[in-house]
Amino acid sequence: MQDNQDEVKRRMMLGRLRLEHGDLDMAISAMAAQRCDPLSIQRLKKRKLELKDRIEKLASSIIPDATA
């Protein structure tokens, strides 16, 4: 039962992270189109990359590698 609850929590977190990643992508695009401060855009890109890493790690814990 606890394992099932943990997986549900991980899936919810994964959804939130993916949503935030998408939001950052839109924000970066909008800022680039408006020619905002390059340093601010770079910071958002770094945050987006960190989120991508967290998403991949969390996704692999939910769906283990087939070769494992």
C-alpha atoms as a PDB file:
ATOM      1  CA  MET A   1       0.000   0.000   0.000  1.00  0.00           C
ATOM      2  CA  GLN A   2       2.797   2.433   0.929  1.00  0.00           C
ATOM      3  CA  ASP A   3       4.623   1.625  -2.323  1.00  0.00           C
ATOM      4  CA  ASN A   4       1.508   2.545  -4.275  1.00  0.00           C
ATOM      5  CA  GLN A   5       1.187   5.860  -2.422  1.00  0.00           C
ATOM      6  CA  ASP A   6       4.859   6.613  -3.021  1.00  0.00           C
ATOM      7  CA  GLU A   7       4.462   5.983  -6.738  1.00  0.00           C
ATOM      8  CA  VAL A   8       1.416   8.268  -6.871  1.00  0.00           C
ATOM      9  CA  LYS A   9       3.411  11.006  -5.112  1.00  0.00           C
ATOM     10  CA  ARG A  10       6.312  10.561  -7.543  1.00  0.00           C
ATOM     11  CA  ARG A  11       3.967  10.749 -10.527  1.00  0.00           C
ATOM     12  CA  MET A  12       2.347  13.915  -9.166  1.00  0.00           C
ATOM     13  CA  MET A  13       5.766  15.481  -8.616  1.00  0.00           C
ATOM     14  CA  LEU A  14       6.775  14.480 -12.134  1.00  0.00           C
ATOM     15  CA  GLY A  15       3.694  16.215 -13.511  1.00  0.00           C
ATOM     16  CA  ARG A  16       4.449  19.391 -11.553  1.00  0.00           C
ATOM     17  CA  LEU A  17       8.053  19.409 -12.731  1.00  0.00           C
ATOM     18  CA  ARG A  18       7.009  18.929 -16.349  1.00  0.00           C
ATOM     19  CA  LEU A  19       4.512  21.758 -16.036  1.00  0.00           C
ATOM     20  CA  GLU A  20       7.168  24.056 -14.568  1.00  0.00           C
ATOM     21  CA  HIS A  21       9.580  23.035 -17.331  1.00  0.00           C
ATOM     22  CA  GLY A  22       7.000  23.965 -19.960  1.00  0.00           C
ATOM     23  CA  ASP A  23       6.265  27.269 -18.235  1.00  0.00           C
ATOM     24  CA  LEU A  24       9.961  28.119 -18.231  1.00  0.00           C
ATOM     25  CA  ASP A  25      10.176  27.265 -21.923  1.00  0.00           C
ATOM     26  CA  MET A  26       7.371  29.712 -22.704  1.00  0.00           C
ATOM     27  CA  ALA A  27       8.889  32.388 -20.473  1.00  0.00           C
ATOM     28  CA  ILE A  28      12.281  32.017 -22.140  1.00  0.00           C
ATOM     29  CA  SER A  29      10.709  32.297 -25.590  1.00  0.00           C
ATOM     30  CA  ALA A  30       8.751  35.396 -24.604  1.00  0.00           C
ATOM     31  CA  MET A  31      11.795  37.037 -23.025  1.00  0.00           C
ATOM     32  CA  ALA A  32      13.931  36.265 -26.072  1.00  0.00           C
ATOM     33  CA  ALA A  33      11.294  37.733 -28.381  1.00  0.00           C
ATOM     34  CA  GLN A  34      11.250  40.923 -26.316  1.00  0.00           C
ATOM     35  CA  ARG A  35      15.045  40.991 -26.226  1.00  0.00           C
ATOM     36  CA  CYS A  36      15.213  40.988 -22.446  1.00  0.00           C
ATOM     37  CA  ASP A  37      18.390  40.876 -20.427  1.00  0.00           C
ATOM     38  CA  PRO A  38      20.508  37.948 -21.701  1.00  0.00           C
ATOM     39  CA  LEU A  39      21.670  37.154 -18.173  1.00  0.00           C
ATOM     40  CA  SER A  40      18.079  36.710 -16.995  1.00  0.00           C
ATOM     41  CA  ILE A  41      17.352  34.443 -19.938  1.00  0.00           C
ATOM     42  CA  GLN A  42      20.485  32.425 -19.215  1.00  0.00           C
ATOM     43  CA  ARG A  43      19.416  31.943 -15.595  1.00  0.00           C
ATOM     44  CA  LEU A  44      16.034  30.634 -16.712  1.00  0.00           C
ATOM     45  CA  LYS A  45      17.721  28.283 -19.162  1.00  0.00           C
ATOM     46  CA  LYS A  46      19.910  26.943 -16.373  1.00  0.00           C
ATOM     47  CA  ARG A  47      16.860  26.390 -14.166  1.00  0.00           C
ATOM     48  CA  LYS A  48      15.123  24.645 -17.074  1.00  0.00           C
ATOM     49  CA  LEU A  49      18.096  22.332 -17.544  1.00  0.00           C
ATOM     50  CA  GLU A  50      18.135  21.509 -13.812  1.00  0.00           C
ATOM     51  CA  LEU A  51      14.437  20.663 -14.031  1.00  0.00           C
ATOM     52  CA  LYS A  52      15.071  18.442 -17.038  1.00  0.00           C
ATOM     53  CA  ASP A  53      17.657  16.492 -15.052  1.00  0.00           C
ATOM     54  CA  ARG A  54      15.261  16.097 -12.120  1.00  0.00           C
ATOM     55  CA  ILE A  55      12.479  14.997 -14.483  1.00  0.00           C
ATOM     56  CA  GLU A  56      14.676  12.354 -16.086  1.00  0.00           C
ATOM     57  CA  LYS A  57      15.848  11.041 -12.723  1.00  0.00           C
ATOM     58  CA  LEU A  58      12.322  10.890 -11.314  1.00  0.00           C
ATOM     59  CA  ALA A  59      10.918   9.311 -14.475  1.00  0.00           C
ATOM     60  CA  SER A  60      13.570   6.602 -14.388  1.00  0.00           C
ATOM     61  CA  SER A  61      12.656   5.805 -10.776  1.00  0.00           C
ATOM     62  CA  ILE A  62       9.023   5.348 -11.784  1.00  0.00           C
ATOM     63  CA  ILE A  63       9.704   3.380 -14.956  1.00  0.00           C
ATOM     64  CA  PRO A  64      12.890   1.379 -14.410  1.00  0.00           C
ATOM     65  CA  ASP A  65      15.205   0.687 -17.317  1.00  0.00           C
ATOM     66  CA  ALA A  66      14.288  -2.517 -19.167  1.00  0.00           C
ATOM     67  CA  THR A  67      17.884  -3.755 -18.941  1.00  0.00           C
ATOM     68  CA  ALA A  68      17.972  -3.426 -15.152  1.00  0.00           C
END
